[in-house]
Amino acid sequence: MASSLVFIHTPTMLVPSTLAFSLWYNAGWYRLMKNRKKLIIGGAIILVSITALIYATFMGNSTYYYEVGEFLSQGTTVANKTTSINGEVGADLSIDSFVYSFTLWDATGQSAGIPVTYRGQVPNSFEAGRLVVVQGKLGADGIFQATKIITKCTSKE
């Protein structure tokens, strides 16, 4: 006597899979999968935009500046180029109708100095002996023509 197995297909066995498909379709996953290309392109655009924003934020705020000794060792390669120099305002600071003249000394302990002139308003804390960053160009006469002066925070000196 041979025994045979018989599988009976009942409607209750299809309920879980039908329910899962119904939830998957109604939840929008089917439409998202159908529009996968649009989703990937949109996600890539958002990712590139966020990356560009972060890059512009950090790179726009970073500024390299030379120490006075470094700047003087560059020679004529920095002539007529806008550069920034970090140093200490010398005791020879003189003011004549909003024209400031002083020697910027190397703050790293070297005995290098460069003459600087600046026309305009200076920060309130600008005085002899302060650490500053000057931005401008080296003139043909060897005097650094500053267009911007930034004083460093006294708590970080």
N, C-alpha and C. Protein backbone atom coordinates (compact mmCIF):
# COMPACT_ATOMS: atom_id res chain seq x y z
N MET A 1 0.82 -1.14 0.00
CA MET A 1 0.00 0.00 0.00
C MET A 1 0.88 1.22 0.00
N ALA A 2 0.59 1.99 -0.91
CA ALA A 2 1.38 3.22 -1.08
C ALA A 2 0.63 4.37 -0.47
N SER A 3 1.37 5.12 0.30
CA SER A 3 0.73 6.30 0.89
C SER A 3 1.17 7.52 0.12
N SER A 4 0.27 8.41 -0.07
CA SER A 4 0.58 9.66 -0.79
C SER A 4 0.16 10.84 0.05
N LEU A 5 0.98 11.90 -0.05
CA LEU A 5 0.68 13.11 0.68
C LEU A 5 -0.13 14.04 -0.21
N VAL A 6 -1.12 14.60 0.36
CA VAL A 6 -1.96 15.52 -0.39
C VAL A 6 -1.91 16.86 0.31
N PHE A 7 -1.57 17.94 -0.43
CA PHE A 7 -1.55 19.30 0.12
C PHE A 7 -2.85 19.98 -0.25
N ILE A 8 -3.49 20.49 0.73
CA ILE A 8 -4.75 21.17 0.51
C ILE A 8 -4.48 22.67 0.55
N HIS A 9 -4.87 23.33 -0.47
CA HIS A 9 -4.68 24.79 -0.55
C HIS A 9 -5.92 25.46 0.00
N THR A 10 -5.74 26.18 1.09
CA THR A 10 -6.89 26.85 1.68
C THR A 10 -6.70 28.36 1.57
N PRO A 11 -7.77 29.11 1.50
CA PRO A 11 -7.67 30.56 1.40
C PRO A 11 -7.00 31.20 2.61
N THR A 12 -7.01 30.56 3.77
CA THR A 12 -6.39 31.15 4.96
C THR A 12 -4.87 31.19 4.83
N MET A 13 -4.27 30.36 4.04
CA MET A 13 -2.83 30.35 3.88
C MET A 13 -2.37 31.56 3.05
N LEU A 14 -3.20 32.12 2.24
CA LEU A 14 -2.82 33.25 1.40
C LEU A 14 -3.01 34.59 2.11
N VAL A 15 -3.69 34.58 3.22
CA VAL A 15 -3.98 35.82 3.91
C VAL A 15 -2.73 36.58 4.33
N PRO A 16 -1.74 35.95 4.95
CA PRO A 16 -0.56 36.71 5.36
C PRO A 16 0.17 37.34 4.18
N SER A 17 0.37 36.63 3.10
CA SER A 17 1.10 37.20 1.97
C SER A 17 0.27 38.29 1.29
N THR A 18 -1.02 38.13 1.22
CA THR A 18 -1.86 39.16 0.63
C THR A 18 -1.86 40.40 1.50
N LEU A 19 -1.88 40.21 2.80
CA LEU A 19 -1.86 41.33 3.73
C LEU A 19 -0.52 42.07 3.62
N ALA A 20 0.57 41.34 3.52
CA ALA A 20 1.89 41.96 3.40
C ALA A 20 1.97 42.77 2.12
N PHE A 21 1.50 42.21 1.00
CA PHE A 21 1.52 42.94 -0.26
C PHE A 21 0.66 44.18 -0.18
N SER A 22 -0.48 44.06 0.45
CA SER A 22 -1.38 45.20 0.57
C SER A 22 -0.72 46.30 1.38
N LEU A 23 -0.07 45.95 2.49
CA LEU A 23 0.62 46.96 3.30
C LEU A 23 1.79 47.58 2.54
N TRP A 24 2.53 46.76 1.82
CA TRP A 24 3.68 47.23 1.06
C TRP A 24 3.23 48.20 -0.02
N TYR A 25 2.18 47.86 -0.71
CA TYR A 25 1.68 48.71 -1.79
C TYR A 25 1.07 49.99 -1.24
N ASN A 26 0.22 49.88 -0.23
CA ASN A 26 -0.48 51.04 0.31
C ASN A 26 0.45 51.99 1.06
N ALA A 27 1.55 51.49 1.60
CA ALA A 27 2.50 52.34 2.33
C ALA A 27 3.35 53.17 1.37
N GLY A 28 3.26 52.92 0.12
CA GLY A 28 3.99 53.73 -0.85
C GLY A 28 5.30 53.12 -1.30
N TRP A 29 5.66 51.96 -0.75
CA TRP A 29 6.93 51.36 -1.13
C TRP A 29 6.93 50.95 -2.59
N TYR A 30 5.82 50.51 -3.08
CA TYR A 30 5.74 50.12 -4.49
C TYR A 30 6.00 51.33 -5.38
N ARG A 31 5.38 52.45 -5.02
CA ARG A 31 5.58 53.66 -5.83
C ARG A 31 7.01 54.17 -5.70
N LEU A 32 7.61 54.04 -4.49
CA LEU A 32 9.00 54.46 -4.33
C LEU A 32 9.93 53.58 -5.15
N MET A 33 9.69 52.29 -5.15
CA MET A 33 10.51 51.38 -5.93
C MET A 33 10.34 51.66 -7.42
N LYS A 34 9.14 52.03 -7.81
CA LYS A 34 8.86 52.33 -9.21
C LYS A 34 9.60 53.60 -9.62
N ASN A 35 9.71 54.54 -8.69
CA ASN A 35 10.37 55.81 -8.99
C ASN A 35 11.78 55.86 -8.37
N ARG A 36 12.41 54.73 -8.32
CA ARG A 36 13.73 54.62 -7.71
C ARG A 36 14.75 55.56 -8.38
N LYS A 37 14.68 55.70 -9.65
CA LYS A 37 15.63 56.54 -10.38
C LYS A 37 15.51 58.00 -9.91
N LYS A 38 14.28 58.47 -9.77
CA LYS A 38 14.07 59.83 -9.30
C LYS A 38 14.57 60.00 -7.87
N LEU A 39 14.37 58.99 -7.05
CA LEU A 39 14.81 59.03 -5.66
C LEU A 39 16.33 59.09 -5.57
N ILE A 40 17.01 58.31 -6.36
CA ILE A 40 18.48 58.29 -6.36
C ILE A 40 19.03 59.63 -6.85
N ILE A 41 18.47 60.16 -7.92
CA ILE A 41 18.93 61.45 -8.45
C ILE A 41 18.67 62.56 -7.44
N GLY A 42 17.51 62.57 -6.83
CA GLY A 42 17.18 63.59 -5.83
C GLY A 42 18.11 63.50 -4.62
N GLY A 43 18.36 62.29 -4.16
CA GLY A 43 19.28 62.09 -3.04
C GLY A 43 20.69 62.53 -3.37
N ALA A 44 21.14 62.25 -4.59
CA ALA A 44 22.48 62.67 -5.01
C ALA A 44 22.58 64.19 -5.06
N ILE A 45 21.54 64.85 -5.55
CA ILE A 45 21.55 66.32 -5.60
C ILE A 45 21.61 66.91 -4.19
N ILE A 46 20.84 66.35 -3.28
CA ILE A 46 20.86 66.84 -1.90
C ILE A 46 22.22 66.60 -1.27
N LEU A 47 22.81 65.45 -1.48
CA LEU A 47 24.12 65.14 -0.92
C LEU A 47 25.21 66.07 -1.47
N VAL A 48 25.20 66.32 -2.76
CA VAL A 48 26.17 67.24 -3.37
C VAL A 48 25.98 68.66 -2.84
N SER A 49 24.74 69.08 -2.68
CA SER A 49 24.46 70.43 -2.16
C SER A 49 24.96 70.59 -0.73
N ILE A 50 24.72 69.61 0.10
CA ILE A 50 25.18 69.67 1.50
C ILE A 50 26.70 69.67 1.55
N THR A 51 27.34 68.84 0.73
CA THR A 51 28.80 68.79 0.70
C THR A 51 29.38 70.12 0.25
N ALA A 52 28.81 70.73 -0.78
CA ALA A 52 29.29 72.02 -1.27
C ALA A 52 29.10 73.11 -0.21
N LEU A 53 28.00 73.07 0.50
CA LEU A 53 27.75 74.06 1.55
C LEU A 53 28.77 73.93 2.69
N ILE A 54 29.04 72.71 3.10
CA ILE A 54 30.02 72.48 4.16
C ILE A 54 31.41 72.93 3.70
N TYR A 55 31.79 72.59 2.47
CA TYR A 55 33.09 72.97 1.94
C TYR A 55 33.22 74.49 1.88
N ALA A 56 32.21 75.17 1.38
CA ALA A 56 32.25 76.63 1.28
C ALA A 56 32.31 77.29 2.66
N THR A 57 31.64 76.71 3.62
CA THR A 57 31.64 77.27 4.97
C THR A 57 33.02 77.18 5.60
N PHE A 58 33.64 76.02 5.53
CA PHE A 58 34.93 75.84 6.18
C PHE A 58 36.08 76.45 5.39
N MET A 59 36.07 76.34 4.10
CA MET A 59 37.17 76.87 3.30
C MET A 59 37.10 78.38 3.18
N GLY A 60 35.93 78.94 3.25
CA GLY A 60 35.80 80.39 3.16
C GLY A 60 36.30 81.09 4.40
N ASN A 61 36.28 80.40 5.53
CA ASN A 61 36.70 81.01 6.78
C ASN A 61 38.16 80.73 7.12
N SER A 62 38.79 79.84 6.40
CA SER A 62 40.18 79.55 6.72
C SER A 62 41.09 80.47 5.92
N THR A 63 42.02 81.10 6.63
CA THR A 63 42.94 82.03 6.00
C THR A 63 44.34 81.68 6.46
N TYR A 64 45.23 81.57 5.53
CA TYR A 64 46.62 81.33 5.87
C TYR A 64 47.33 82.66 6.00
N TYR A 65 48.14 82.79 7.02
CA TYR A 65 48.94 84.00 7.14
C TYR A 65 50.38 83.61 7.44
N TYR A 66 51.28 84.46 6.94
CA TYR A 66 52.71 84.27 7.16
C TYR A 66 53.12 84.87 8.50
N GLU A 67 54.17 84.34 9.08
CA GLU A 67 54.87 85.02 10.15
C GLU A 67 55.79 86.02 9.45
N VAL A 68 56.26 87.04 10.14
CA VAL A 68 57.07 88.07 9.50
C VAL A 68 58.33 87.48 8.88
N GLY A 69 59.02 86.62 9.61
CA GLY A 69 60.23 85.99 9.08
C GLY A 69 59.95 85.17 7.83
N GLU A 70 58.86 84.44 7.84
CA GLU A 70 58.44 83.64 6.67
C GLU A 70 58.19 84.54 5.47
N PHE A 71 57.47 85.64 5.72
CA PHE A 71 57.13 86.57 4.64
C PHE A 71 58.39 87.17 4.03
N LEU A 72 59.32 87.59 4.87
CA LEU A 72 60.55 88.19 4.36
C LEU A 72 61.41 87.19 3.60
N SER A 73 61.35 85.92 3.99
CA SER A 73 62.14 84.90 3.28
C SER A 73 61.55 84.57 1.91
N GLN A 74 60.30 84.95 1.66
CA GLN A 74 59.68 84.70 0.36
C GLN A 74 60.26 85.60 -0.73
N GLY A 75 60.82 86.72 -0.33
CA GLY A 75 61.43 87.64 -1.29
C GLY A 75 60.42 88.26 -2.23
N THR A 76 60.74 88.30 -3.50
CA THR A 76 59.90 88.97 -4.49
C THR A 76 58.73 88.11 -4.95
N THR A 77 58.64 86.86 -4.50
CA THR A 77 57.53 86.00 -4.94
C THR A 77 56.19 86.47 -4.39
N VAL A 78 56.22 87.26 -3.31
CA VAL A 78 54.97 87.75 -2.72
C VAL A 78 54.70 89.21 -3.07
N ALA A 79 55.57 89.82 -3.83
CA ALA A 79 55.38 91.22 -4.20
C ALA A 79 54.13 91.38 -5.05
N ASN A 80 53.33 92.41 -4.75
CA ASN A 80 52.09 92.73 -5.46
C ASN A 80 51.03 91.63 -5.36
N LYS A 81 51.15 90.76 -4.38
CA LYS A 81 50.11 89.75 -4.11
C LYS A 81 49.50 90.07 -2.76
N THR A 82 48.19 89.95 -2.65
CA THR A 82 47.53 90.18 -1.37
C THR A 82 47.85 89.02 -0.43
N THR A 83 48.46 89.35 0.69
CA THR A 83 48.85 88.35 1.67
C THR A 83 48.48 88.82 3.07
N SER A 84 48.54 87.90 4.01
CA SER A 84 48.29 88.22 5.42
C SER A 84 49.54 87.87 6.21
N ILE A 85 49.87 88.75 7.16
CA ILE A 85 51.07 88.55 7.98
C ILE A 85 50.68 88.69 9.45
N ASN A 86 51.19 87.76 10.27
CA ASN A 86 50.96 87.78 11.70
C ASN A 86 52.19 88.34 12.39
N GLY A 87 52.00 89.27 13.31
CA GLY A 87 53.14 89.80 14.04
C GLY A 87 52.71 90.71 15.18
N GLU A 88 53.70 91.31 15.81
CA GLU A 88 53.48 92.20 16.94
C GLU A 88 53.72 93.64 16.52
N VAL A 89 52.81 94.54 16.89
CA VAL A 89 52.95 95.96 16.55
C VAL A 89 54.12 96.53 17.35
N GLY A 90 55.04 97.18 16.65
CA GLY A 90 56.23 97.73 17.29
C GLY A 90 55.93 99.00 18.09
N ALA A 91 56.89 99.38 18.91
CA ALA A 91 56.75 100.57 19.77
C ALA A 91 56.82 101.86 18.97
N ASP A 92 57.24 101.77 17.70
CA ASP A 92 57.37 102.97 16.86
C ASP A 92 56.05 103.37 16.20
N LEU A 93 54.92 102.94 16.73
CA LEU A 93 53.60 103.25 16.18
C LEU A 93 53.38 104.76 16.14
N SER A 94 53.06 105.27 14.95
CA SER A 94 52.75 106.70 14.81
C SER A 94 51.45 106.86 14.02
N ILE A 95 50.68 107.89 14.40
CA ILE A 95 49.38 108.14 13.77
C ILE A 95 49.37 109.56 13.25
N ASP A 96 49.01 109.72 11.97
CA ASP A 96 48.91 111.04 11.38
C ASP A 96 47.69 111.07 10.48
N SER A 97 46.61 111.70 10.92
CA SER A 97 45.33 111.80 10.21
C SER A 97 44.87 110.46 9.63
N PHE A 98 44.64 109.51 10.50
CA PHE A 98 44.17 108.17 10.13
C PHE A 98 45.15 107.40 9.25
N VAL A 99 46.41 107.77 9.25
CA VAL A 99 47.46 107.00 8.59
C VAL A 99 48.34 106.44 9.70
N TYR A 100 48.34 105.14 9.84
CA TYR A 100 49.10 104.47 10.89
C TYR A 100 50.38 103.90 10.28
N SER A 101 51.50 104.18 10.90
CA SER A 101 52.79 103.64 10.47
C SER A 101 53.42 102.93 11.65
N PHE A 102 53.91 101.74 11.42
CA PHE A 102 54.54 100.97 12.50
C PHE A 102 55.37 99.86 11.88
N THR A 103 56.17 99.25 12.71
CA THR A 103 56.94 98.08 12.31
C THR A 103 56.24 96.85 12.87
N LEU A 104 56.05 95.88 12.03
CA LEU A 104 55.45 94.61 12.46
C LEU A 104 56.59 93.65 12.73
N TRP A 105 56.71 93.24 13.99
CA TRP A 105 57.79 92.35 14.41
C TRP A 105 57.31 90.91 14.46
N ASP A 106 58.24 90.01 14.22
CA ASP A 106 57.93 88.58 14.23
C ASP A 106 57.53 88.16 15.64
N ALA A 107 56.39 87.51 15.76
CA ALA A 107 55.87 87.09 17.07
C ALA A 107 56.46 85.77 17.53
N THR A 108 57.21 85.10 16.66
CA THR A 108 57.77 83.79 17.02
C THR A 108 59.12 83.91 17.69
N GLY A 109 59.59 85.11 17.94
CA GLY A 109 60.84 85.29 18.65
C GLY A 109 62.01 85.66 17.75
N GLN A 110 61.84 85.61 16.45
CA GLN A 110 62.91 86.02 15.55
C GLN A 110 62.98 87.55 15.55
N SER A 111 64.11 88.08 15.17
CA SER A 111 64.26 89.54 15.21
C SER A 111 64.00 90.17 13.84
N ALA A 112 63.01 89.67 13.13
CA ALA A 112 62.67 90.21 11.82
C ALA A 112 61.52 91.20 11.96
N GLY A 113 61.60 92.30 11.20
CA GLY A 113 60.53 93.29 11.23
C GLY A 113 60.28 93.82 9.84
N ILE A 114 59.05 94.30 9.61
CA ILE A 114 58.68 94.86 8.30
C ILE A 114 57.88 96.14 8.54
N PRO A 115 58.22 97.23 7.82
CA PRO A 115 57.46 98.47 7.99
C PRO A 115 56.07 98.34 7.36
N VAL A 116 55.05 98.86 8.06
CA VAL A 116 53.66 98.76 7.61
C VAL A 116 53.02 100.13 7.67
N THR A 117 52.21 100.46 6.66
CA THR A 117 51.34 101.64 6.73
C THR A 117 49.91 101.19 6.49
N TYR A 118 48.99 101.88 7.16
CA TYR A 118 47.57 101.55 7.04
C TYR A 118 46.78 102.84 7.10
N ARG A 119 45.83 102.98 6.20
CA ARG A 119 44.95 104.15 6.17
C ARG A 119 43.53 103.69 6.52
N GLY A 120 42.94 104.31 7.54
CA GLY A 120 41.58 103.97 7.92
C GLY A 120 41.42 103.78 9.41
N GLN A 121 40.27 103.24 9.77
CA GLN A 121 39.95 102.98 11.17
C GLN A 121 40.61 101.67 11.61
N VAL A 122 41.08 101.66 12.83
CA VAL A 122 41.67 100.44 13.39
C VAL A 122 40.76 99.93 14.51
N PRO A 123 40.90 98.67 14.87
CA PRO A 123 40.10 98.15 15.99
C PRO A 123 40.43 98.89 17.29
N ASN A 124 39.50 98.91 18.21
CA ASN A 124 39.69 99.60 19.49
C ASN A 124 40.89 99.09 20.26
N SER A 125 41.18 97.83 20.18
CA SER A 125 42.28 97.25 20.95
C SER A 125 43.63 97.35 20.26
N PHE A 126 43.72 98.08 19.16
CA PHE A 126 44.97 98.23 18.43
C PHE A 126 45.90 99.17 19.19
N GLU A 127 47.09 98.67 19.53
CA GLU A 127 48.08 99.46 20.24
C GLU A 127 49.44 98.79 20.08
N ALA A 128 50.49 99.48 20.46
CA ALA A 128 51.84 98.92 20.40
C ALA A 128 51.93 97.71 21.32
N GLY A 129 52.60 96.68 20.82
CA GLY A 129 52.77 95.46 21.61
C GLY A 129 51.70 94.41 21.40
N ARG A 130 50.64 94.70 20.67
CA ARG A 130 49.55 93.75 20.42
C ARG A 130 49.87 92.85 19.24
N LEU A 131 49.40 91.63 19.30
CA LEU A 131 49.50 90.72 18.17
C LEU A 131 48.38 91.04 17.20
N VAL A 132 48.74 91.20 15.92
CA VAL A 132 47.77 91.53 14.89
C VAL A 132 48.04 90.71 13.64
N VAL A 133 47.03 90.64 12.79
CA VAL A 133 47.19 90.08 11.45
C VAL A 133 46.88 91.23 10.50
N VAL A 134 47.85 91.57 9.63
CA VAL A 134 47.64 92.63 8.65
C VAL A 134 47.50 91.98 7.28
N GLN A 135 46.59 92.51 6.48
CA GLN A 135 46.36 91.99 5.15
C GLN A 135 46.60 93.11 4.16
N GLY A 136 47.32 92.85 3.11
CA GLY A 136 47.61 93.87 2.10
C GLY A 136 48.68 93.39 1.14
N LYS A 137 49.42 94.37 0.57
CA LYS A 137 50.45 94.06 -0.44
C LYS A 137 51.75 94.75 -0.08
N LEU A 138 52.84 94.11 -0.46
CA LEU A 138 54.16 94.69 -0.28
C LEU A 138 54.42 95.62 -1.45
N GLY A 139 54.69 96.90 -1.13
CA GLY A 139 54.96 97.88 -2.18
C GLY A 139 56.37 97.75 -2.73
N ALA A 140 56.63 98.42 -3.85
CA ALA A 140 57.96 98.40 -4.47
C ALA A 140 59.00 99.05 -3.57
N ASP A 141 58.56 99.94 -2.68
CA ASP A 141 59.48 100.63 -1.76
C ASP A 141 59.82 99.80 -0.53
N GLY A 142 59.28 98.55 -0.42
CA GLY A 142 59.57 97.67 0.70
C GLY A 142 58.67 97.89 1.90
N ILE A 143 57.67 98.77 1.77
CA ILE A 143 56.72 99.02 2.85
C ILE A 143 55.45 98.23 2.55
N PHE A 144 54.97 97.52 3.56
CA PHE A 144 53.75 96.73 3.41
C PHE A 144 52.55 97.67 3.54
N GLN A 145 51.75 97.76 2.49
CA GLN A 145 50.55 98.60 2.47
C GLN A 145 49.36 97.76 2.92
N ALA A 146 48.98 97.92 4.17
CA ALA A 146 47.89 97.12 4.74
C ALA A 146 46.54 97.69 4.33
N THR A 147 45.61 96.81 4.02
CA THR A 147 44.23 97.20 3.71
C THR A 147 43.28 96.77 4.81
N LYS A 148 43.76 95.89 5.70
CA LYS A 148 42.91 95.38 6.80
C LYS A 148 43.81 95.00 7.97
N ILE A 149 43.36 95.35 9.18
CA ILE A 149 44.08 94.97 10.39
C ILE A 149 43.10 94.26 11.33
N ILE A 150 43.53 93.09 11.81
CA ILE A 150 42.73 92.31 12.74
C ILE A 150 43.57 92.10 13.99
N THR A 151 43.06 92.53 15.14
CA THR A 151 43.78 92.29 16.39
C THR A 151 43.41 90.92 16.92
N LYS A 152 44.38 90.26 17.52
CA LYS A 152 44.14 88.94 18.10
C LYS A 152 43.55 89.12 19.50
N CYS A 153 42.81 88.14 19.94
CA CYS A 153 42.17 88.17 21.24
C CYS A 153 43.22 88.15 22.34
N THR A 154 43.09 89.02 23.33
CA THR A 154 44.08 89.11 24.40
C THR A 154 44.14 87.84 25.24
N SER A 155 43.07 87.13 25.34
CA SER A 155 43.06 85.91 26.16
C SER A 155 43.81 84.77 25.48
N LYS A 156 44.06 84.86 24.18
CA LYS A 156 44.74 83.81 23.45
C LYS A 156 46.19 84.16 23.15
N GLU A 157 46.66 85.26 23.64
CA GLU A 157 48.06 85.64 23.38
C GLU A 157 48.98 84.94 24.33
